[in-house]
């Protein structure tokens, strides 16, 4: 492939020139998606433009959450009055975090508006499942799963029914005003909110360049915290876990197709993005097919208590 302007570069840069800037820092409390129309358009792409095969691919190639983060979420419910922690997984997607919580013994309300994502969640959580809202089953895990095809801002869950409400890679899709009210409604007094995300670590220059070509929004932004309004919630506390995953160039290409920016793109945009990713990984960086790479991540866990 001949060298051509890299869509991940700043205007005037060619592919063999470094790009120095980093993701913009955001003030504490500023939403990652500040345009409501853009938030709705990109969020809807997961349901409107995603086939069942796409949802299964999402589940297969998206990163998992480190054990330390999952343990910290469960510890938020240590004072639970229930027989097992009751956790609402808001925007549960294909169930990547849901399964880890179930395996640890929690009872999980998986709240997900997308039908294809919810189908993958039930497929991967048990051989058979009742997918009607409020349906429950005892699967191979020690926890119990309840599935709800509803938005996070209107879960349909009973008031004061959950010890923890967690949003994994989903907080930016929620309406920032309505989600506050729903959290206050479904959490028990003293219950906790946990916002967790896996972010590509752009402090590594090759990863930063990669995220720009991929049009990836899942990048670490220092100092950002979710907006949880006082006096209803305690001040947000943040923990960060650094880790990496083994991945091949081909799997990075697959990962790019699970992003909302890809799902919302047209065929021409997708073809150009794939072409540039292929050039970057195989020609510019010189990787070979099947080569095991280490892709660095930062997982952030933001927590607060309902007062």
C-alpha atoms as a PDB file:
ATOM      1  CA  UNK A   1       0.000   0.000   0.000  1.00  0.00           C
ATOM      2  CA  UNK A   2       1.377   3.416  -0.878  1.00  0.00           C
ATOM      3  CA  UNK A   3       1.628   5.958   1.884  1.00  0.00           C
ATOM      4  CA  UNK A   4      -1.303   8.330   2.071  1.00  0.00           C
ATOM      5  CA  UNK A   5      -2.433  10.891   4.644  1.00  0.00           C
ATOM      6  CA  UNK A   6      -3.289   9.144   7.882  1.00  0.00           C
ATOM      7  CA  UNK A   7      -6.793  10.028   9.187  1.00  0.00           C
ATOM      8  CA  UNK A   8      -5.373   9.685  12.671  1.00  0.00           C
ATOM      9  CA  UNK A   9      -2.895  12.494  12.117  1.00  0.00           C
ATOM     10  CA  UNK A  10      -3.245  16.199  12.590  1.00  0.00           C
ATOM     11  CA  UNK A  11      -3.776  18.270   9.417  1.00  0.00           C
ATOM     12  CA  UNK A  12      -0.481  18.552   7.571  1.00  0.00           C
ATOM     13  CA  UNK A  13       1.008  15.373   9.071  1.00  0.00           C
ATOM     14  CA  UNK A  14       1.930  12.413   6.949  1.00  0.00           C
ATOM     15  CA  UNK A  15       1.814   8.811   8.263  1.00  0.00           C
ATOM     16  CA  UNK A  16       5.532   8.639   9.053  1.00  0.00           C
ATOM     17  CA  UNK A  17       5.402  11.704  11.290  1.00  0.00           C
ATOM     18  CA  UNK A  18       4.590  11.474  15.015  1.00  0.00           C
ATOM     19  CA  UNK A  19       1.545  13.126  16.512  1.00  0.00           C
ATOM     20  CA  UNK A  20       2.354  14.742  19.825  1.00  0.00           C
ATOM     21  CA  UNK A  21      -0.993  15.647  21.323  1.00  0.00           C
ATOM     22  CA  UNK A  22      -2.927  13.579  23.841  1.00  0.00           C
ATOM     23  CA  UNK A  23      -6.656  13.280  24.601  1.00  0.00           C
ATOM     24  CA  UNK A  24      -7.991  16.487  26.038  1.00  0.00           C
ATOM     25  CA  UNK A  25      -8.262  16.603  29.795  1.00  0.00           C
ATOM     26  CA  UNK A  26     -11.794  17.189  31.019  1.00  0.00           C
ATOM     27  CA  UNK A  27     -12.838  18.946  34.199  1.00  0.00           C
ATOM     28  CA  UNK A  28     -14.214  16.796  36.975  1.00  0.00           C
ATOM     29  CA  UNK A  29     -17.902  16.238  36.265  1.00  0.00           C
ATOM     30  CA  UNK A  30     -17.864  17.238  32.582  1.00  0.00           C
ATOM     31  CA  UNK A  31     -19.604  14.551  30.574  1.00  0.00           C
ATOM     32  CA  UNK A  32     -17.524  12.678  28.006  1.00  0.00           C
ATOM     33  CA  UNK A  33     -20.270  13.176  25.420  1.00  0.00           C
ATOM     34  CA  UNK A  34     -21.527  16.710  25.920  1.00  0.00           C
ATOM     35  CA  UNK A  35     -23.786  16.807  22.843  1.00  0.00           C
ATOM     36  CA  UNK A  36     -27.063  14.985  23.650  1.00  0.00           C
ATOM     37  CA  UNK A  37     -27.842  14.334  19.985  1.00  0.00           C
ATOM     38  CA  UNK A  38     -24.417  12.825  19.354  1.00  0.00           C
ATOM     39  CA  UNK A  39     -24.755  10.704  22.502  1.00  0.00           C
ATOM     40  CA  UNK A  40     -28.096   9.336  21.321  1.00  0.00           C
ATOM     41  CA  UNK A  41     -26.860   8.760  17.753  1.00  0.00           C
ATOM     42  CA  UNK A  42     -23.729   6.863  18.738  1.00  0.00           C
ATOM     43  CA  UNK A  43     -25.468   4.954  21.518  1.00  0.00           C
ATOM     44  CA  UNK A  44     -28.257   3.884  19.171  1.00  0.00           C
ATOM     45  CA  UNK A  45     -25.660   2.476  16.765  1.00  0.00           C
ATOM     46  CA  UNK A  46     -25.187  -0.503  19.079  1.00  0.00           C
ATOM     47  CA  UNK A  47     -28.814  -1.492  18.626  1.00  0.00           C
ATOM     48  CA  UNK A  48     -29.786  -0.132  15.222  1.00  0.00           C
ATOM     49  CA  UNK A  49     -26.604  -1.007  13.318  1.00  0.00           C
ATOM     50  CA  UNK A  50     -25.468  -4.077  15.233  1.00  0.00           C
ATOM     51  CA  UNK A  51     -26.389  -7.582  14.144  1.00  0.00           C
ATOM     52  CA  UNK A  52     -26.340 -10.575  16.452  1.00  0.00           C
ATOM     53  CA  UNK A  53     -23.021 -11.564  14.865  1.00  0.00           C
ATOM     54  CA  UNK A  54     -21.685  -8.074  15.631  1.00  0.00           C
ATOM     55  CA  UNK A  55     -22.761  -8.383  19.262  1.00  0.00           C
ATOM     56  CA  UNK A  56     -21.061 -11.754  19.577  1.00  0.00           C
ATOM     57  CA  UNK A  57     -17.912 -10.262  18.061  1.00  0.00           C
ATOM     58  CA  UNK A  58     -18.072  -7.418  20.586  1.00  0.00           C
ATOM     59  CA  UNK A  59     -18.188  -9.937  23.409  1.00  0.00           C
ATOM     60  CA  UNK A  60     -15.321 -11.943  21.947  1.00  0.00           C
ATOM     61  CA  UNK A  61     -12.777  -9.144  21.407  1.00  0.00           C
ATOM     62  CA  UNK A  62     -13.531  -6.446  23.989  1.00  0.00           C
ATOM     63  CA  UNK A  63     -11.156  -6.421  26.975  1.00  0.00           C
ATOM     64  CA  UNK A  64     -12.105  -7.983  30.297  1.00  0.00           C
ATOM     65  CA  UNK A  65     -11.902  -6.243  33.661  1.00  0.00           C
ATOM     66  CA  UNK A  66      -8.981  -6.959  35.981  1.00  0.00           C
ATOM     67  CA  UNK A  67      -9.700  -9.075  39.027  1.00  0.00           C
ATOM     68  CA  UNK A  68      -8.754  -6.232  41.373  1.00  0.00           C
ATOM     69  CA  UNK A  69     -11.480  -3.985  39.944  1.00  0.00           C
ATOM     70  CA  UNK A  70     -14.159  -6.677  40.182  1.00  0.00           C
ATOM     71  CA  UNK A  71     -13.157  -7.425  43.773  1.00  0.00           C
ATOM     72  CA  UNK A  72     -13.366  -3.739  44.657  1.00  0.00           C
ATOM     73  CA  UNK A  73     -16.900  -3.535  43.213  1.00  0.00           C
ATOM     74  CA  UNK A  74     -18.006  -6.525  45.274  1.00  0.00           C
ATOM     75  CA  UNK A  75     -16.467  -5.061  48.420  1.00  0.00           C
ATOM     76  CA  UNK A  76     -18.797  -2.078  48.057  1.00  0.00           C
ATOM     77  CA  UNK A  77     -21.634  -4.421  49.032  1.00  0.00           C
ATOM     78  CA  UNK A  78     -19.960  -6.005  52.063  1.00  0.00           C
ATOM     79  CA  UNK A  79     -22.533  -4.502  54.423  1.00  0.00           C
ATOM     80  CA  UNK A  80     -25.443  -5.829  52.353  1.00  0.00           C
ATOM     81  CA  UNK A  81     -28.496  -7.009  54.253  1.00  0.00           C
ATOM     82  CA  UNK A  82     -29.275  -9.426  51.404  1.00  0.00           C
ATOM     83  CA  UNK A  83     -28.192 -13.058  51.371  1.00  0.00           C
ATOM     84  CA  UNK A  84     -25.835 -12.171  48.510  1.00  0.00           C
ATOM     85  CA  UNK A  85     -24.857  -8.775  47.076  1.00  0.00           C
ATOM     86  CA  UNK A  86     -27.514  -7.407  44.722  1.00  0.00           C
ATOM     87  CA  UNK A  87     -25.936  -5.454  41.885  1.00  0.00           C
ATOM     88  CA  UNK A  88     -27.574  -3.539  39.047  1.00  0.00           C
ATOM     89  CA  UNK A  89     -25.343  -3.721  35.967  1.00  0.00           C
ATOM     90  CA  UNK A  90     -26.538  -0.699  33.991  1.00  0.00           C
ATOM     91  CA  UNK A  91     -25.853  -0.787  30.267  1.00  0.00           C
ATOM     92  CA  UNK A  92     -24.702  -4.371  30.746  1.00  0.00           C
ATOM     93  CA  UNK A  93     -24.019  -4.921  27.046  1.00  0.00           C
ATOM     94  CA  UNK A  94     -22.998  -8.468  26.217  1.00  0.00           C
ATOM     95  CA  UNK A  95     -22.406  -9.271  29.888  1.00  0.00           C
ATOM     96  CA  UNK A  96     -18.620  -9.071  30.153  1.00  0.00           C
ATOM     97  CA  UNK A  97     -18.754  -7.688  33.699  1.00  0.00           C
ATOM     98  CA  UNK A  98     -22.073  -9.391  34.476  1.00  0.00           C
ATOM     99  CA  UNK A  99     -20.488 -12.835  34.196  1.00  0.00           C
ATOM    100  CA  UNK A 100     -17.622 -11.913  36.502  1.00  0.00           C
ATOM    101  CA  UNK A 101     -20.032 -10.621  39.142  1.00  0.00           C
ATOM    102  CA  UNK A 102     -22.189 -13.748  38.874  1.00  0.00           C
ATOM    103  CA  UNK A 103     -19.168 -15.992  39.192  1.00  0.00           C
ATOM    104  CA  UNK A 104     -18.253 -14.194  42.417  1.00  0.00           C
ATOM    105  CA  UNK A 105     -21.671 -14.975  43.898  1.00  0.00           C
ATOM    106  CA  UNK A 106     -23.569 -11.724  43.347  1.00  0.00           C
ATOM    107  CA  UNK A 107     -27.182 -11.538  42.235  1.00  0.00           C
ATOM    108  CA  UNK A 108     -27.148  -9.307  39.164  1.00  0.00           C
ATOM    109  CA  UNK A 109     -29.874  -7.263  37.490  1.00  0.00           C
ATOM    110  CA  UNK A 110     -28.511  -6.881  33.952  1.00  0.00           C
ATOM    111  CA  UNK A 111     -30.175  -3.790  32.481  1.00  0.00           C
ATOM    112  CA  UNK A 112     -29.554  -3.409  28.743  1.00  0.00           C
ATOM    113  CA  UNK A 113     -31.750  -1.710  26.118  1.00  0.00           C
ATOM    114  CA  UNK A 114     -30.238  -3.481  23.103  1.00  0.00           C
ATOM    115  CA  UNK A 115     -31.926  -6.735  22.085  1.00  0.00           C
ATOM    116  CA  UNK A 116     -28.863  -8.220  20.381  1.00  0.00           C
ATOM    117  CA  UNK A 117     -26.547  -7.419  23.282  1.00  0.00           C
ATOM    118  CA  UNK A 118     -29.034  -8.867  25.752  1.00  0.00           C
ATOM    119  CA  UNK A 119     -29.325 -12.035  23.691  1.00  0.00           C
ATOM    120  CA  UNK A 120     -25.561 -12.540  23.792  1.00  0.00           C
ATOM    121  CA  UNK A 121     -25.592 -11.878  27.531  1.00  0.00           C
ATOM    122  CA  UNK A 122     -28.149 -14.611  28.143  1.00  0.00           C
ATOM    123  CA  UNK A 123     -26.352 -16.997  25.760  1.00  0.00           C
ATOM    124  CA  UNK A 124     -23.078 -16.615  27.587  1.00  0.00           C
ATOM    125  CA  UNK A 125     -24.495 -16.621  31.110  1.00  0.00           C
ATOM    126  CA  UNK A 126     -26.358 -19.918  30.861  1.00  0.00           C
ATOM    127  CA  UNK A 127     -27.455 -22.539  28.365  1.00  0.00           C
ATOM    128  CA  UNK A 128     -31.080 -21.472  28.701  1.00  0.00           C
ATOM    129  CA  UNK A 129     -32.567 -18.331  30.196  1.00  0.00           C
ATOM    130  CA  UNK A 130     -35.842 -16.548  30.597  1.00  0.00           C
ATOM    131  CA  UNK A 131     -35.249 -13.200  28.898  1.00  0.00           C
ATOM    132  CA  UNK A 132     -38.475 -11.467  29.847  1.00  0.00           C
ATOM    133  CA  UNK A 133     -38.002  -8.437  32.077  1.00  0.00           C
ATOM    134  CA  UNK A 134     -37.516  -9.713  35.586  1.00  0.00           C
ATOM    135  CA  UNK A 135     -36.961 -13.285  34.399  1.00  0.00           C
ATOM    136  CA  UNK A 136     -34.485 -15.225  36.475  1.00  0.00           C
ATOM    137  CA  UNK A 137     -32.569 -18.452  36.303  1.00  0.00           C
ATOM    138  CA  UNK A 138     -29.949 -20.370  38.197  1.00  0.00           C
ATOM    139  CA  UNK A 139     -27.075 -20.840  35.799  1.00  0.00           C
ATOM    140  CA  UNK A 140     -23.664 -22.472  36.149  1.00  0.00           C
ATOM    141  CA  UNK A 141     -22.559 -19.563  38.322  1.00  0.00           C
ATOM    142  CA  UNK A 142     -23.182 -19.197  42.030  1.00  0.00           C
ATOM    143  CA  UNK A 143     -25.075 -15.929  41.565  1.00  0.00           C
ATOM    144  CA  UNK A 144     -28.536 -15.383  40.119  1.00  0.00           C
ATOM    145  CA  UNK A 145     -29.220 -13.313  37.013  1.00  0.00           C
ATOM    146  CA  UNK A 146     -32.219 -11.126  36.244  1.00  0.00           C
ATOM    147  CA  UNK A 147     -32.447  -9.573  32.772  1.00  0.00           C
ATOM    148  CA  UNK A 148     -34.206  -6.323  31.885  1.00  0.00           C
ATOM    149  CA  UNK A 149     -34.414  -4.919  28.354  1.00  0.00           C
ATOM    150  CA  UNK A 150     -34.706  -1.318  29.463  1.00  0.00           C
ATOM    151  CA  UNK A 151     -32.631   1.882  29.519  1.00  0.00           C
ATOM    152  CA  UNK A 152     -30.472   2.633  32.549  1.00  0.00           C
ATOM    153  CA  UNK A 153     -32.480   5.775  33.281  1.00  0.00           C
ATOM    154  CA  UNK A 154     -35.690   3.724  33.640  1.00  0.00           C
ATOM    155  CA  UNK A 155     -34.696   0.295  34.920  1.00  0.00           C
ATOM    156  CA  UNK A 156     -38.078  -0.784  36.250  1.00  0.00           C
ATOM    157  CA  UNK A 157     -36.325  -2.153  39.346  1.00  0.00           C
ATOM    158  CA  UNK A 158     -37.978  -1.822  42.729  1.00  0.00           C
ATOM    159  CA  UNK A 159     -37.072   1.138  44.909  1.00  0.00           C
ATOM    160  CA  UNK A 160     -34.181   0.559  47.334  1.00  0.00           C
ATOM    161  CA  UNK A 161     -33.557  -2.903  45.855  1.00  0.00           C
ATOM    162  CA  UNK A 162     -29.842  -2.843  44.978  1.00  0.00           C
ATOM    163  CA  UNK A 163     -26.675  -2.633  47.064  1.00  0.00           C
ATOM    164  CA  UNK A 164     -24.535  -1.441  44.146  1.00  0.00           C
ATOM    165  CA  UNK A 165     -25.261   0.071  40.749  1.00  0.00           C
ATOM    166  CA  UNK A 166     -22.393  -0.343  38.322  1.00  0.00           C
ATOM    167  CA  UNK A 167     -21.862   1.107  34.863  1.00  0.00           C
ATOM    168  CA  UNK A 168     -19.111  -0.682  32.944  1.00  0.00           C
ATOM    169  CA  UNK A 169     -18.003   1.107  29.790  1.00  0.00           C
ATOM    170  CA  UNK A 170     -21.473   2.651  29.667  1.00  0.00           C
ATOM    171  CA  UNK A 171     -21.693   5.803  31.795  1.00  0.00           C
ATOM    172  CA  UNK A 172     -21.175   8.134  28.829  1.00  0.00           C
ATOM    173  CA  UNK A 173     -24.324   6.781  27.162  1.00  0.00           C
ATOM    174  CA  UNK A 174     -26.626   7.795  30.024  1.00  0.00           C
ATOM    175  CA  UNK A 175     -28.609  10.995  30.324  1.00  0.00           C
ATOM    176  CA  UNK A 176     -26.622  12.821  33.030  1.00  0.00           C
ATOM    177  CA  UNK A 177     -29.700  14.216  34.790  1.00  0.00           C
ATOM    178  CA  UNK A 178     -32.081  11.273  34.653  1.00  0.00           C
ATOM    179  CA  UNK A 179     -29.506   8.692  35.720  1.00  0.00           C
ATOM    180  CA  UNK A 180     -28.966  10.569  38.987  1.00  0.00           C
ATOM    181  CA  UNK A 181     -32.636  10.202  39.916  1.00  0.00           C
ATOM    182  CA  UNK A 182     -32.725   6.513  38.993  1.00  0.00           C
ATOM    183  CA  UNK A 183     -29.625   5.739  41.050  1.00  0.00           C
ATOM    184  CA  UNK A 184     -31.151   7.425  44.079  1.00  0.00           C
ATOM    185  CA  UNK A 185     -34.347   5.433  43.584  1.00  0.00           C
ATOM    186  CA  UNK A 186     -32.950   1.897  43.167  1.00  0.00           C
ATOM    187  CA  UNK A 187     -30.094   1.975  45.691  1.00  0.00           C
ATOM    188  CA  UNK A 188     -30.535   1.050  49.328  1.00  0.00           C
ATOM    189  CA  UNK A 189     -29.533   3.772  51.829  1.00  0.00           C
ATOM    190  CA  UNK A 190     -25.756   3.776  51.896  1.00  0.00           C
ATOM    191  CA  UNK A 191     -25.636   1.872  48.617  1.00  0.00           C
ATOM    192  CA  UNK A 192     -22.819   2.502  46.180  1.00  0.00           C
ATOM    193  CA  UNK A 193     -22.338   3.657  42.613  1.00  0.00           C
ATOM    194  CA  UNK A 194     -19.415   2.210  40.648  1.00  0.00           C
ATOM    195  CA  UNK A 195     -18.361   3.537  37.247  1.00  0.00           C
ATOM    196  CA  UNK A 196     -15.694   1.335  35.677  1.00  0.00           C
ATOM    197  CA  UNK A 197     -13.976   1.608  32.335  1.00  0.00           C
ATOM    198  CA  UNK A 198     -11.203  -0.053  30.368  1.00  0.00           C
ATOM    199  CA  UNK A 199      -9.209   2.599  28.530  1.00  0.00           C
ATOM    200  CA  UNK A 200      -6.426   2.277  26.018  1.00  0.00           C
ATOM    201  CA  UNK A 201      -3.317   3.789  27.566  1.00  0.00           C
ATOM    202  CA  UNK A 202      -2.356   6.611  25.222  1.00  0.00           C
ATOM    203  CA  UNK A 203       0.778   7.472  27.199  1.00  0.00           C
ATOM    204  CA  UNK A 204       2.385   4.918  24.878  1.00  0.00           C
ATOM    205  CA  UNK A 205       2.874   6.773  21.542  1.00  0.00           C
ATOM    206  CA  UNK A 206       1.996   3.837  19.299  1.00  0.00           C
ATOM    207  CA  UNK A 207      -1.264   3.292  21.183  1.00  0.00           C
ATOM    208  CA  UNK A 208      -2.147   6.965  20.993  1.00  0.00           C
ATOM    209  CA  UNK A 209      -1.685   6.875  17.222  1.00  0.00           C
ATOM    210  CA  UNK A 210      -3.735   3.685  17.070  1.00  0.00           C
ATOM    211  CA  UNK A 211      -6.687   5.225  18.911  1.00  0.00           C
ATOM    212  CA  UNK A 212      -6.760   8.151  16.507  1.00  0.00           C
ATOM    213  CA  UNK A 213      -6.861   5.908  13.459  1.00  0.00           C
ATOM    214  CA  UNK A 214      -9.486   3.667  15.083  1.00  0.00           C
ATOM    215  CA  UNK A 215     -11.535   6.709  16.138  1.00  0.00           C
ATOM    216  CA  UNK A 216     -11.598   5.162  19.600  1.00  0.00           C
ATOM    217  CA  UNK A 217     -13.249   7.050  22.418  1.00  0.00           C
ATOM    218  CA  UNK A 218     -12.076   4.506  24.995  1.00  0.00           C
ATOM    219  CA  UNK A 219      -8.940   6.401  25.976  1.00  0.00           C
ATOM    220  CA  UNK A 220      -7.775   7.373  29.432  1.00  0.00           C
ATOM    221  CA  UNK A 221      -8.496  10.975  30.387  1.00  0.00           C
ATOM    222  CA  UNK A 222      -6.730  11.996  33.604  1.00  0.00           C
ATOM    223  CA  UNK A 223      -8.750  13.802  36.250  1.00  0.00           C
ATOM    224  CA  UNK A 224     -12.132  12.916  34.728  1.00  0.00           C
ATOM    225  CA  UNK A 225     -14.772  11.689  37.168  1.00  0.00           C
ATOM    226  CA  UNK A 226     -18.498  11.003  36.753  1.00  0.00           C
ATOM    227  CA  UNK A 227     -20.828  13.729  37.867  1.00  0.00           C
ATOM    228  CA  UNK A 228     -22.612  12.533  41.015  1.00  0.00           C
ATOM    229  CA  UNK A 229     -24.397  15.447  42.537  1.00  0.00           C
ATOM    230  CA  UNK A 230     -23.976  16.389  46.205  1.00  0.00           C
ATOM    231  CA  UNK A 231     -25.523  16.231  48.729  1.00  0.00           C
ATOM    232  CA  UNK A 232     -27.141  13.018  47.506  1.00  0.00           C
ATOM    233  CA  UNK A 233     -23.812  11.271  46.895  1.00  0.00           C
ATOM    234  CA  UNK A 234     -20.511  11.293  48.745  1.00  0.00           C
ATOM    235  CA  UNK A 235     -17.426  12.652  46.951  1.00  0.00           C
ATOM    236  CA  UNK A 236     -16.226  10.365  44.180  1.00  0.00           C
ATOM    237  CA  UNK A 237     -13.146   8.247  44.895  1.00  0.00           C
ATOM    238  CA  UNK A 238     -11.053   6.896  42.026  1.00  0.00           C
ATOM    239  CA  UNK A 239      -8.762   3.875  41.759  1.00  0.00           C
ATOM    240  CA  UNK A 240      -6.693   3.025  38.695  1.00  0.00           C
ATOM    241  CA  UNK A 241      -5.443  -0.402  37.656  1.00  0.00           C
ATOM    242  CA  UNK A 242      -2.757  -0.763  34.989  1.00  0.00           C
ATOM    243  CA  UNK A 243      -2.667  -3.935  32.906  1.00  0.00           C
ATOM    244  CA  UNK A 244      -2.220  -5.188  29.355  1.00  0.00           C
ATOM    245  CA  UNK A 245      -3.723  -7.801  27.119  1.00  0.00           C
ATOM    246  CA  UNK A 246      -2.140 -10.077  24.564  1.00  0.00           C
ATOM    247  CA  UNK A 247      -3.592  -9.358  21.146  1.00  0.00           C
ATOM    248  CA  UNK A 248      -2.681  -9.904  17.500  1.00  0.00           C
ATOM    249  CA  UNK A 249      -2.863  -7.263  14.755  1.00  0.00           C
ATOM    250  CA  UNK A 250      -5.820  -9.131  13.288  1.00  0.00           C
ATOM    251  CA  UNK A 251      -7.626  -8.936  16.623  1.00  0.00           C
ATOM    252  CA  UNK A 252      -6.971  -5.186  16.775  1.00  0.00           C
ATOM    253  CA  UNK A 253      -8.673  -4.891  13.384  1.00  0.00           C
ATOM    254  CA  UNK A 254     -11.602  -6.857  14.809  1.00  0.00           C
ATOM    255  CA  UNK A 255     -11.640  -4.676  17.927  1.00  0.00           C
ATOM    256  CA  UNK A 256     -12.001  -1.572  15.760  1.00  0.00           C
ATOM    257  CA  UNK A 257     -15.231  -2.923  14.265  1.00  0.00           C
ATOM    258  CA  UNK A 258     -16.899  -3.069  17.709  1.00  0.00           C
ATOM    259  CA  UNK A 259     -16.622   0.686  18.349  1.00  0.00           C
ATOM    260  CA  UNK A 260     -19.672   2.924  18.115  1.00  0.00           C
ATOM    261  CA  UNK A 261     -17.773   5.154  15.678  1.00  0.00           C
ATOM    262  CA  UNK A 262     -17.401   2.159  13.339  1.00  0.00           C
ATOM    263  CA  UNK A 263     -21.029   1.089  13.648  1.00  0.00           C
ATOM    264  CA  UNK A 264     -22.184   4.641  12.875  1.00  0.00           C
ATOM    265  CA  UNK A 265     -19.846   4.969   9.858  1.00  0.00           C
ATOM    266  CA  UNK A 266     -20.784   4.331   6.238  1.00  0.00           C
ATOM    267  CA  UNK A 267     -19.124   1.736   4.020  1.00  0.00           C
ATOM    268  CA  UNK A 268     -16.625   4.180   2.522  1.00  0.00           C
ATOM    269  CA  UNK A 269     -15.535   5.419   5.945  1.00  0.00           C
ATOM    270  CA  UNK A 270     -15.134   1.863   7.187  1.00  0.00           C
ATOM    271  CA  UNK A 271     -13.055   0.868   4.160  1.00  0.00           C
ATOM    272  CA  UNK A 272     -10.731   3.844   4.610  1.00  0.00           C
ATOM    273  CA  UNK A 273     -10.345   3.172   8.318  1.00  0.00           C
ATOM    274  CA  UNK A 274      -9.566  -0.494   7.742  1.00  0.00           C
ATOM    275  CA  UNK A 275      -7.037   0.425   5.049  1.00  0.00           C
ATOM    276  CA  UNK A 276      -5.255   2.871   7.351  1.00  0.00           C
ATOM    277  CA  UNK A 277      -5.258   0.457  10.281  1.00  0.00           C
ATOM    278  CA  UNK A 278      -3.805  -2.257   8.080  1.00  0.00           C
ATOM    279  CA  UNK A 279      -1.099   0.123   6.855  1.00  0.00           C
ATOM    280  CA  UNK A 280      -0.282   1.269  10.403  1.00  0.00           C
ATOM    281  CA  UNK A 281      -0.049  -2.173  11.971  1.00  0.00           C
ATOM    282  CA  UNK A 282       1.654  -4.133   9.218  1.00  0.00           C
ATOM    283  CA  UNK A 283       3.632  -1.600   7.175  1.00  0.00           C
ATOM    284  CA  UNK A 284       4.404   1.325   9.456  1.00  0.00           C
ATOM    285  CA  UNK A 285       4.909  -0.669  12.686  1.00  0.00           C
ATOM    286  CA  UNK A 286       6.143  -3.756  10.828  1.00  0.00           C
ATOM    287  CA  UNK A 287       4.109  -6.372  12.676  1.00  0.00           C
ATOM    288  CA  UNK A 288       3.363  -9.738  11.122  1.00  0.00           C
ATOM    289  CA  UNK A 289       0.157 -11.724  11.010  1.00  0.00           C
ATOM    290  CA  UNK A 290      -0.484 -13.645  14.202  1.00  0.00           C
ATOM    291  CA  UNK A 291       2.176 -11.761  16.167  1.00  0.00           C
ATOM    292  CA  UNK A 292       1.365 -11.427  19.860  1.00  0.00           C
ATOM    293  CA  UNK A 293       1.390  -7.779  20.945  1.00  0.00           C
ATOM    294  CA  UNK A 294       0.880  -6.285  24.390  1.00  0.00           C
ATOM    295  CA  UNK A 295      -1.856  -3.637  24.279  1.00  0.00           C
ATOM    296  CA  UNK A 296      -1.694  -1.494  27.437  1.00  0.00           C
ATOM    297  CA  UNK A 297      -4.844  -0.516  29.301  1.00  0.00           C
ATOM    298  CA  UNK A 298      -5.791   1.542  32.306  1.00  0.00           C
ATOM    299  CA  UNK A 299      -8.919   0.505  34.179  1.00  0.00           C
ATOM    300  CA  UNK A 300     -10.501   3.239  36.273  1.00  0.00           C
ATOM    301  CA  UNK A 301     -13.004   2.620  39.040  1.00  0.00           C
ATOM    302  CA  UNK A 302     -14.950   5.620  40.322  1.00  0.00           C
ATOM    303  CA  UNK A 303     -17.107   5.015  43.410  1.00  0.00           C
ATOM    304  CA  UNK A 304     -19.434   6.993  45.657  1.00  0.00           C
ATOM    305  CA  UNK A 305     -22.065   6.297  48.310  1.00  0.00           C
ATOM    306  CA  UNK A 306     -25.713   7.301  48.377  1.00  0.00           C
ATOM    307  CA  UNK A 307     -26.223   9.472  51.410  1.00  0.00           C
END
